[in-house]
């Protein structure tokens, strides 16, 4: 089972229970 997550215009393919680390966004 996969999910496509889009964060700040970048797409990440993640599997169930997988931890995803992304760069912190400047606020």
PDB file of N, CA and C in Angstrom:
ATOM      1  N   UNK A   1       0.850  -1.187   0.000  1.00  0.00           N
ATOM      2  CA  UNK A   1       0.000   0.000   0.000  1.00  0.00           C
ATOM      3  C   UNK A   1       0.889   1.241   0.000  1.00  0.00           C
ATOM      4  N   UNK A   2       0.650   2.082  -0.971  1.00  0.00           N
ATOM      5  CA  UNK A   2       1.467   3.273  -1.096  1.00  0.00           C
ATOM      6  C   UNK A   2       0.592   4.514  -1.092  1.00  0.00           C
ATOM      7  N   UNK A   3       1.192   5.607  -0.695  1.00  0.00           N
ATOM      8  CA  UNK A   3       0.497   6.886  -0.757  1.00  0.00           C
ATOM      9  C   UNK A   3       1.452   7.897  -1.371  1.00  0.00           C
ATOM     10  N   UNK A   4       0.907   8.789  -2.187  1.00  0.00           N
ATOM     11  CA  UNK A   4       1.732   9.852  -2.747  1.00  0.00           C
ATOM     12  C   UNK A   4       1.412  11.121  -1.968  1.00  0.00           C
ATOM     13  N   UNK A   5       2.430  11.634  -1.305  1.00  0.00           N
ATOM     14  CA  UNK A   5       2.230  12.834  -0.494  1.00  0.00           C
ATOM     15  C   UNK A   5       2.962  13.984  -1.157  1.00  0.00           C
ATOM     16  N   UNK A   6       2.271  15.106  -1.293  1.00  0.00           N
ATOM     17  CA  UNK A   6       2.913  16.264  -1.905  1.00  0.00           C
ATOM     18  C   UNK A   6       3.130  17.329  -0.846  1.00  0.00           C
ATOM     19  N   UNK A   7       4.391  17.735  -0.686  1.00  0.00           N
ATOM     20  CA  UNK A   7       4.739  18.749   0.308  1.00  0.00           C
ATOM     21  C   UNK A   7       5.565  19.824  -0.379  1.00  0.00           C
ATOM     22  N   UNK A   8       5.070  21.035  -0.345  1.00  0.00           N
ATOM     23  CA  UNK A   8       5.785  22.171  -0.942  1.00  0.00           C
ATOM     24  C   UNK A   8       6.163  21.895  -2.396  1.00  0.00           C
ATOM     25  N   UNK A   9       5.258  21.257  -3.126  1.00  0.00           N
ATOM     26  CA  UNK A   9       5.501  21.010  -4.540  1.00  0.00           C
ATOM     27  C   UNK A   9       6.354  19.787  -4.819  1.00  0.00           C
ATOM     28  N   UNK A  10       6.824  19.109  -3.774  1.00  0.00           N
ATOM     29  CA  UNK A  10       7.614  17.894  -3.969  1.00  0.00           C
ATOM     30  C   UNK A  10       6.768  16.688  -3.621  1.00  0.00           C
ATOM     31  N   UNK A  11       6.867  15.651  -4.443  1.00  0.00           N
ATOM     32  CA  UNK A  11       6.068  14.457  -4.197  1.00  0.00           C
ATOM     33  C   UNK A  11       6.922  13.357  -3.593  1.00  0.00           C
ATOM     34  N   UNK A  12       6.354  12.687  -2.597  1.00  0.00           N
ATOM     35  CA  UNK A  12       7.049  11.596  -1.932  1.00  0.00           C
ATOM     36  C   UNK A  12       6.170  10.361  -1.989  1.00  0.00           C
ATOM     37  N   UNK A  13       6.763   9.227  -2.365  1.00  0.00           N
ATOM     38  CA  UNK A  13       6.019   7.973  -2.386  1.00  0.00           C
ATOM     39  C   UNK A  13       6.346   7.246  -1.096  1.00  0.00           C
ATOM     40  N   UNK A  14       5.348   7.037  -0.270  1.00  0.00           N
ATOM     41  CA  UNK A  14       5.592   6.409   1.026  1.00  0.00           C
ATOM     42  C   UNK A  14       4.769   5.142   1.161  1.00  0.00           C
ATOM     43  N   UNK A  15       5.343   4.170   1.844  1.00  0.00           N
ATOM     44  CA  UNK A  15       4.622   2.929   2.084  1.00  0.00           C
ATOM     45  C   UNK A  15       4.031   2.967   3.483  1.00  0.00           C
ATOM     46  N   UNK A  16       3.170   2.009   3.759  1.00  0.00           N
ATOM     47  CA  UNK A  16       2.484   1.964   5.041  1.00  0.00           C
ATOM     48  C   UNK A  16       3.499   1.895   6.182  1.00  0.00           C
ATOM     49  N   UNK A  17       3.288   2.735   7.196  1.00  0.00           N
ATOM     50  CA  UNK A  17       4.142   2.771   8.392  1.00  0.00           C
ATOM     51  C   UNK A  17       5.563   3.262   8.124  1.00  0.00           C
ATOM     52  N   UNK A  18       5.788   3.808   6.951  1.00  0.00           N
ATOM     53  CA  UNK A  18       7.127   4.332   6.657  1.00  0.00           C
ATOM     54  C   UNK A  18       7.233   5.771   7.140  1.00  0.00           C
ATOM     55  N   UNK A  19       8.344   6.077   7.780  1.00  0.00           N
ATOM     56  CA  UNK A  19       8.562   7.454   8.223  1.00  0.00           C
ATOM     57  C   UNK A  19       9.215   8.229   7.085  1.00  0.00           C
ATOM     58  N   UNK A  20       8.748   9.441   6.902  1.00  0.00           N
ATOM     59  CA  UNK A  20       9.291  10.266   5.836  1.00  0.00           C
ATOM     60  C   UNK A  20       9.893  11.524   6.444  1.00  0.00           C
ATOM     61  N   UNK A  21      11.131  11.782   6.088  1.00  0.00           N
ATOM     62  CA  UNK A  21      11.790  12.979   6.594  1.00  0.00           C
ATOM     63  C   UNK A  21      11.956  13.958   5.443  1.00  0.00           C
ATOM     64  N   UNK A  22      11.504  15.180   5.661  1.00  0.00           N
ATOM     65  CA  UNK A  22      11.638  16.202   4.630  1.00  0.00           C
ATOM     66  C   UNK A  22      12.319  17.417   5.245  1.00  0.00           C
ATOM     67  N   UNK A  23      12.895  18.233   4.387  1.00  0.00           N
ATOM     68  CA  UNK A  23      13.539  19.444   4.875  1.00  0.00           C
ATOM     69  C   UNK A  23      12.480  20.361   5.473  1.00  0.00           C
ATOM     70  N   UNK A  24      12.833  21.009   6.555  1.00  0.00           N
ATOM     71  CA  UNK A  24      11.893  21.948   7.170  1.00  0.00           C
ATOM     72  C   UNK A  24      11.703  23.130   6.224  1.00  0.00           C
ATOM     73  N   UNK A  25      10.486  23.610   6.182  1.00  0.00           N
ATOM     74  CA  UNK A  25      10.178  24.724   5.303  1.00  0.00           C
ATOM     75  C   UNK A  25      10.381  26.034   6.047  1.00  0.00           C
ATOM     76  N   UNK A  26      10.926  27.006   5.363  1.00  0.00           N
ATOM     77  CA  UNK A  26      11.073  28.324   5.972  1.00  0.00           C
ATOM     78  C   UNK A  26       9.681  28.921   6.119  1.00  0.00           C
ATOM     79  N   UNK A  27       9.393  29.427   7.295  1.00  0.00           N
ATOM     80  CA  UNK A  27       8.050  29.968   7.539  1.00  0.00           C
ATOM     81  C   UNK A  27       8.021  31.479   7.333  1.00  0.00           C
TER      82      UNK A  27
END
